Amino acid sequence: MFTIYLTVTLLASALNGSAAVANLIGHEYPKKEADRNRIPRSWTRPLGLLLGAGALGLLAGFVVPVVGVLAAAGLVLYFLGALGAHVRAGNFRLGGWALFFGLALAALAVNLAHHAA
């Protein structure tokens, strides 16, 4: 179980961390997605901070387990909000969203399973 927990958590942290960096440095992709979902571009950096906090929280969960569980739950909520933004804007290109959401959900599940054992 520990190997699955470690792998999923590190993968989720790396993926969300890279998305956070893209948002924070002002990369064009998050800006285009913000436009597509009718979200102000000025929100990309704050949203990047949330992604970064989630990524770091997952890593902190190795030391303080409750932080990892809360970070994973926060990422699940973040991506549910992202789904709402996609649907509101009529943007049903959800491949990237499904990857991030599925990984956040998997991180939450393995965190809960690992720490309950």
N, C-alpha and C. Protein backbone atom coordinates (compact mmCIF):
# COMPACT_ATOMS: atom_id res chain seq x y z
N MET A 1 0.82 -1.20 0.00
CA MET A 1 0.00 0.00 0.00
C MET A 1 0.86 1.26 0.00
N PHE A 2 1.99 1.19 0.73
CA PHE A 2 2.83 2.37 0.81
C PHE A 2 3.36 2.78 -0.56
N THR A 3 3.69 1.82 -1.40
CA THR A 3 4.23 2.14 -2.73
C THR A 3 3.18 2.87 -3.58
N ILE A 4 1.95 2.43 -3.51
CA ILE A 4 0.87 3.10 -4.26
C ILE A 4 0.67 4.51 -3.71
N TYR A 5 0.61 4.62 -2.39
CA TYR A 5 0.45 5.93 -1.74
C TYR A 5 1.57 6.88 -2.16
N LEU A 6 2.80 6.41 -2.12
CA LEU A 6 3.95 7.22 -2.49
C LEU A 6 3.88 7.64 -3.95
N THR A 7 3.61 6.71 -4.84
CA THR A 7 3.58 6.98 -6.28
C THR A 7 2.47 7.97 -6.64
N VAL A 8 1.27 7.72 -6.17
CA VAL A 8 0.14 8.59 -6.52
C VAL A 8 0.35 9.99 -5.94
N THR A 9 0.82 10.05 -4.70
CA THR A 9 1.01 11.35 -4.06
C THR A 9 2.10 12.16 -4.76
N LEU A 10 3.21 11.51 -5.10
CA LEU A 10 4.29 12.23 -5.80
C LEU A 10 3.84 12.67 -7.19
N LEU A 11 3.10 11.82 -7.88
CA LEU A 11 2.63 12.17 -9.22
C LEU A 11 1.64 13.34 -9.16
N ALA A 12 0.71 13.27 -8.21
CA ALA A 12 -0.26 14.36 -8.07
C ALA A 12 0.44 15.66 -7.69
N SER A 13 1.42 15.58 -6.82
CA SER A 13 2.15 16.77 -6.41
C SER A 13 2.94 17.35 -7.58
N ALA A 14 3.59 16.51 -8.34
CA ALA A 14 4.39 16.98 -9.48
C ALA A 14 3.50 17.62 -10.55
N LEU A 15 2.38 16.99 -10.85
CA LEU A 15 1.50 17.51 -11.90
C LEU A 15 0.88 18.84 -11.47
N ASN A 16 0.38 18.90 -10.25
CA ASN A 16 -0.21 20.14 -9.77
C ASN A 16 0.84 21.22 -9.56
N GLY A 17 2.03 20.82 -9.15
CA GLY A 17 3.12 21.78 -9.01
C GLY A 17 3.52 22.39 -10.34
N SER A 18 3.55 21.57 -11.39
CA SER A 18 3.91 22.11 -12.70
C SER A 18 2.81 23.04 -13.23
N ALA A 19 1.55 22.69 -12.96
CA ALA A 19 0.45 23.59 -13.35
C ALA A 19 0.52 24.90 -12.57
N ALA A 20 0.90 24.80 -11.29
CA ALA A 20 1.05 26.01 -10.48
C ALA A 20 2.13 26.92 -11.05
N VAL A 21 3.25 26.35 -11.42
CA VAL A 21 4.35 27.13 -11.99
C VAL A 21 3.91 27.79 -13.29
N ALA A 22 3.19 27.04 -14.14
CA ALA A 22 2.71 27.62 -15.40
C ALA A 22 1.80 28.82 -15.14
N ASN A 23 0.94 28.71 -14.14
CA ASN A 23 0.06 29.83 -13.80
C ASN A 23 0.88 31.00 -13.24
N LEU A 24 1.81 30.71 -12.37
CA LEU A 24 2.54 31.77 -11.67
C LEU A 24 3.51 32.53 -12.57
N ILE A 25 4.07 31.86 -13.57
CA ILE A 25 5.01 32.56 -14.45
C ILE A 25 4.30 33.26 -15.61
N GLY A 26 2.98 33.07 -15.70
CA GLY A 26 2.23 33.73 -16.76
C GLY A 26 2.33 33.03 -18.10
N HIS A 27 2.49 31.71 -18.09
CA HIS A 27 2.55 30.95 -19.34
C HIS A 27 1.26 31.15 -20.13
N GLU A 28 1.36 31.03 -21.41
CA GLU A 28 0.22 31.29 -22.30
C GLU A 28 -0.91 30.28 -22.14
N TYR A 29 -0.59 29.02 -21.86
CA TYR A 29 -1.65 27.99 -21.77
C TYR A 29 -2.70 28.30 -20.70
N PRO A 30 -2.31 28.61 -19.46
CA PRO A 30 -3.35 28.95 -18.48
C PRO A 30 -4.16 30.18 -18.87
N LYS A 31 -3.52 31.12 -19.54
CA LYS A 31 -4.25 32.32 -19.99
C LYS A 31 -5.31 31.96 -21.03
N LYS A 32 -4.94 31.08 -21.97
CA LYS A 32 -5.90 30.64 -22.99
C LYS A 32 -7.05 29.88 -22.37
N GLU A 33 -6.73 29.03 -21.38
CA GLU A 33 -7.79 28.28 -20.70
C GLU A 33 -8.70 29.21 -19.92
N ALA A 34 -8.12 30.23 -19.30
CA ALA A 34 -8.94 31.22 -18.58
C ALA A 34 -9.89 31.91 -19.55
N ASP A 35 -9.37 32.30 -20.71
CA ASP A 35 -10.22 32.93 -21.72
C ASP A 35 -11.33 31.99 -22.18
N ARG A 36 -10.97 30.74 -22.43
CA ARG A 36 -11.93 29.75 -22.92
C ARG A 36 -13.04 29.52 -21.89
N ASN A 37 -12.69 29.60 -20.60
CA ASN A 37 -13.67 29.36 -19.54
C ASN A 37 -14.27 30.65 -18.98
N ARG A 38 -13.97 31.76 -19.67
CA ARG A 38 -14.49 33.08 -19.28
C ARG A 38 -14.17 33.43 -17.83
N ILE A 39 -12.91 33.20 -17.49
CA ILE A 39 -12.40 33.56 -16.17
C ILE A 39 -11.39 34.68 -16.40
N PRO A 40 -11.41 35.73 -15.59
CA PRO A 40 -10.45 36.82 -15.78
C PRO A 40 -9.01 36.31 -15.70
N ARG A 41 -8.17 36.79 -16.59
CA ARG A 41 -6.77 36.38 -16.58
C ARG A 41 -6.08 36.73 -15.28
N SER A 42 -6.59 37.74 -14.60
CA SER A 42 -5.99 38.15 -13.33
C SER A 42 -6.15 37.06 -12.26
N TRP A 43 -6.99 36.08 -12.50
CA TRP A 43 -7.18 35.00 -11.54
C TRP A 43 -6.14 33.89 -11.71
N THR A 44 -5.39 33.90 -12.80
CA THR A 44 -4.48 32.77 -13.04
C THR A 44 -3.42 32.64 -11.95
N ARG A 45 -2.89 33.75 -11.49
CA ARG A 45 -1.86 33.65 -10.43
C ARG A 45 -2.45 33.18 -9.10
N PRO A 46 -3.58 33.76 -8.63
CA PRO A 46 -4.16 33.21 -7.39
C PRO A 46 -4.54 31.74 -7.51
N LEU A 47 -5.05 31.33 -8.67
CA LEU A 47 -5.37 29.92 -8.85
C LEU A 47 -4.09 29.08 -8.85
N GLY A 48 -3.02 29.63 -9.40
CA GLY A 48 -1.72 28.96 -9.35
C GLY A 48 -1.23 28.79 -7.92
N LEU A 49 -1.48 29.79 -7.08
CA LEU A 49 -1.10 29.67 -5.67
C LEU A 49 -1.87 28.55 -4.98
N LEU A 50 -3.15 28.42 -5.32
CA LEU A 50 -3.93 27.33 -4.74
C LEU A 50 -3.39 25.96 -5.20
N LEU A 51 -3.07 25.85 -6.48
CA LEU A 51 -2.50 24.60 -6.97
C LEU A 51 -1.16 24.30 -6.29
N GLY A 52 -0.34 25.34 -6.14
CA GLY A 52 0.95 25.16 -5.48
C GLY A 52 0.79 24.75 -4.03
N ALA A 53 -0.17 25.37 -3.34
CA ALA A 53 -0.42 25.00 -1.95
C ALA A 53 -0.87 23.54 -1.86
N GLY A 54 -1.70 23.11 -2.80
CA GLY A 54 -2.12 21.71 -2.81
C GLY A 54 -0.96 20.77 -3.05
N ALA A 55 -0.10 21.12 -4.00
CA ALA A 55 1.07 20.29 -4.30
C ALA A 55 2.00 20.19 -3.11
N LEU A 56 2.28 21.32 -2.48
CA LEU A 56 3.16 21.31 -1.30
C LEU A 56 2.50 20.61 -0.12
N GLY A 57 1.18 20.77 0.01
CA GLY A 57 0.46 20.10 1.08
C GLY A 57 0.51 18.59 0.95
N LEU A 58 0.43 18.10 -0.29
CA LEU A 58 0.56 16.65 -0.49
C LEU A 58 1.92 16.15 -0.02
N LEU A 59 2.96 16.92 -0.32
CA LEU A 59 4.30 16.53 0.13
C LEU A 59 4.44 16.63 1.65
N ALA A 60 3.85 17.68 2.22
CA ALA A 60 3.90 17.84 3.68
C ALA A 60 3.17 16.69 4.38
N GLY A 61 2.24 16.07 3.67
CA GLY A 61 1.50 14.95 4.23
C GLY A 61 2.36 13.75 4.56
N PHE A 62 3.55 13.67 3.99
CA PHE A 62 4.46 12.59 4.36
C PHE A 62 4.94 12.75 5.80
N VAL A 63 4.98 13.98 6.27
CA VAL A 63 5.43 14.27 7.62
C VAL A 63 4.24 14.43 8.58
N VAL A 64 3.22 15.16 8.12
CA VAL A 64 2.02 15.40 8.92
C VAL A 64 0.84 14.88 8.11
N PRO A 65 0.42 13.65 8.34
CA PRO A 65 -0.58 13.01 7.49
C PRO A 65 -1.87 13.80 7.28
N VAL A 66 -2.36 14.46 8.30
CA VAL A 66 -3.62 15.20 8.14
C VAL A 66 -3.48 16.32 7.11
N VAL A 67 -2.30 16.89 6.98
CA VAL A 67 -2.07 17.95 5.99
C VAL A 67 -2.20 17.38 4.57
N GLY A 68 -1.68 16.19 4.35
CA GLY A 68 -1.80 15.55 3.05
C GLY A 68 -3.23 15.23 2.68
N VAL A 69 -3.99 14.76 3.66
CA VAL A 69 -5.41 14.45 3.42
C VAL A 69 -6.16 15.74 3.09
N LEU A 70 -5.91 16.79 3.87
CA LEU A 70 -6.59 18.06 3.62
C LEU A 70 -6.19 18.67 2.28
N ALA A 71 -4.92 18.54 1.92
CA ALA A 71 -4.45 19.07 0.63
C ALA A 71 -5.13 18.32 -0.52
N ALA A 72 -5.21 17.01 -0.41
CA ALA A 72 -5.87 16.22 -1.46
C ALA A 72 -7.34 16.58 -1.55
N ALA A 73 -8.00 16.74 -0.41
CA ALA A 73 -9.41 17.14 -0.41
C ALA A 73 -9.57 18.53 -1.02
N GLY A 74 -8.64 19.42 -0.71
CA GLY A 74 -8.69 20.76 -1.29
C GLY A 74 -8.54 20.74 -2.80
N LEU A 75 -7.66 19.87 -3.30
CA LEU A 75 -7.50 19.76 -4.75
C LEU A 75 -8.74 19.18 -5.41
N VAL A 76 -9.38 18.23 -4.76
CA VAL A 76 -10.64 17.68 -5.30
C VAL A 76 -11.67 18.80 -5.41
N LEU A 77 -11.79 19.62 -4.36
CA LEU A 77 -12.74 20.74 -4.40
C LEU A 77 -12.36 21.76 -5.46
N TYR A 78 -11.06 22.03 -5.60
CA TYR A 78 -10.57 22.96 -6.62
C TYR A 78 -11.03 22.51 -8.00
N PHE A 79 -10.85 21.22 -8.28
CA PHE A 79 -11.19 20.73 -9.62
C PHE A 79 -12.69 20.56 -9.82
N LEU A 80 -13.45 20.39 -8.76
CA LEU A 80 -14.91 20.45 -8.90
C LEU A 80 -15.33 21.86 -9.27
N GLY A 81 -14.68 22.85 -8.68
CA GLY A 81 -14.93 24.24 -9.06
C GLY A 81 -14.54 24.50 -10.51
N ALA A 82 -13.43 23.90 -10.93
CA ALA A 82 -13.00 24.04 -12.32
C ALA A 82 -14.02 23.42 -13.27
N LEU A 83 -14.59 22.30 -12.87
CA LEU A 83 -15.64 21.69 -13.70
C LEU A 83 -16.82 22.64 -13.83
N GLY A 84 -17.19 23.27 -12.74
CA GLY A 84 -18.28 24.25 -12.78
C GLY A 84 -17.98 25.38 -13.74
N ALA A 85 -16.74 25.86 -13.73
CA ALA A 85 -16.35 26.94 -14.64
C ALA A 85 -16.42 26.47 -16.10
N HIS A 86 -15.97 25.23 -16.36
CA HIS A 86 -16.04 24.69 -17.71
C HIS A 86 -17.49 24.60 -18.19
N VAL A 87 -18.35 24.06 -17.36
CA VAL A 87 -19.75 23.87 -17.74
C VAL A 87 -20.43 25.22 -17.94
N ARG A 88 -20.17 26.16 -17.02
CA ARG A 88 -20.78 27.49 -17.13
C ARG A 88 -20.40 28.16 -18.44
N ALA A 89 -19.16 27.96 -18.88
CA ALA A 89 -18.68 28.59 -20.11
C ALA A 89 -19.04 27.77 -21.35
N GLY A 90 -19.63 26.59 -21.16
CA GLY A 90 -19.96 25.75 -22.31
C GLY A 90 -18.73 25.09 -22.92
N ASN A 91 -17.68 24.96 -22.13
CA ASN A 91 -16.44 24.34 -22.59
C ASN A 91 -16.42 22.89 -22.12
N PHE A 92 -16.66 21.99 -23.03
CA PHE A 92 -16.72 20.59 -22.66
C PHE A 92 -15.47 19.82 -23.09
N ARG A 93 -14.38 20.54 -23.26
CA ARG A 93 -13.08 19.92 -23.49
C ARG A 93 -12.53 19.58 -22.11
N LEU A 94 -12.83 18.40 -21.64
CA LEU A 94 -12.56 18.05 -20.25
C LEU A 94 -11.46 17.01 -20.06
N GLY A 95 -10.67 16.75 -21.08
CA GLY A 95 -9.61 15.75 -20.96
C GLY A 95 -8.59 16.11 -19.89
N GLY A 96 -8.08 17.33 -19.95
CA GLY A 96 -7.11 17.77 -18.95
C GLY A 96 -7.72 17.82 -17.56
N TRP A 97 -8.95 18.32 -17.49
CA TRP A 97 -9.64 18.38 -16.21
C TRP A 97 -9.78 16.98 -15.62
N ALA A 98 -10.17 16.01 -16.45
CA ALA A 98 -10.37 14.63 -15.96
C ALA A 98 -9.08 14.05 -15.41
N LEU A 99 -7.96 14.34 -16.07
CA LEU A 99 -6.67 13.85 -15.58
C LEU A 99 -6.36 14.43 -14.20
N PHE A 100 -6.46 15.75 -14.08
CA PHE A 100 -6.14 16.40 -12.82
C PHE A 100 -7.13 16.00 -11.71
N PHE A 101 -8.41 15.97 -12.04
CA PHE A 101 -9.41 15.60 -11.04
C PHE A 101 -9.23 14.15 -10.60
N GLY A 102 -9.04 13.27 -11.57
CA GLY A 102 -8.85 11.85 -11.24
C GLY A 102 -7.63 11.63 -10.37
N LEU A 103 -6.57 12.35 -10.65
CA LEU A 103 -5.36 12.21 -9.85
C LEU A 103 -5.55 12.78 -8.44
N ALA A 104 -6.26 13.90 -8.33
CA ALA A 104 -6.55 14.47 -7.01
C ALA A 104 -7.44 13.52 -6.21
N LEU A 105 -8.42 12.93 -6.86
CA LEU A 105 -9.31 11.99 -6.19
C LEU A 105 -8.54 10.73 -5.77
N ALA A 106 -7.65 10.26 -6.64
CA ALA A 106 -6.83 9.11 -6.29
C ALA A 106 -5.91 9.44 -5.11
N ALA A 107 -5.34 10.64 -5.11
CA ALA A 107 -4.47 11.04 -4.00
C ALA A 107 -5.26 11.07 -2.69
N LEU A 108 -6.48 11.56 -2.74
CA LEU A 108 -7.30 11.58 -1.54
C LEU A 108 -7.60 10.15 -1.08
N ALA A 109 -7.97 9.29 -2.01
CA ALA A 109 -8.31 7.91 -1.66
C ALA A 109 -7.11 7.17 -1.07
N VAL A 110 -5.93 7.30 -1.69
CA VAL A 110 -4.78 6.57 -1.16
C VAL A 110 -4.29 7.17 0.16
N ASN A 111 -4.42 8.48 0.32
CA ASN A 111 -4.07 9.10 1.60
C ASN A 111 -4.96 8.55 2.70
N LEU A 112 -6.26 8.52 2.46
CA LEU A 112 -7.18 8.01 3.46
C LEU A 112 -6.93 6.53 3.75
N ALA A 113 -6.73 5.75 2.70
CA ALA A 113 -6.51 4.31 2.88
C ALA A 113 -5.19 4.04 3.60
N HIS A 114 -4.15 4.75 3.24
CA HIS A 114 -2.84 4.53 3.85
C HIS A 114 -2.84 4.90 5.33
N HIS A 115 -3.46 6.01 5.64
CA HIS A 115 -3.42 6.49 7.03
C HIS A 115 -4.45 5.80 7.91
N ALA A 116 -5.45 5.15 7.30
CA ALA A 116 -6.43 4.41 8.10
C ALA A 116 -5.88 3.03 8.47
N ALA A 117 -4.93 2.55 7.68
CA ALA A 117 -4.38 1.20 7.92
C ALA A 117 -3.45 1.15 9.12
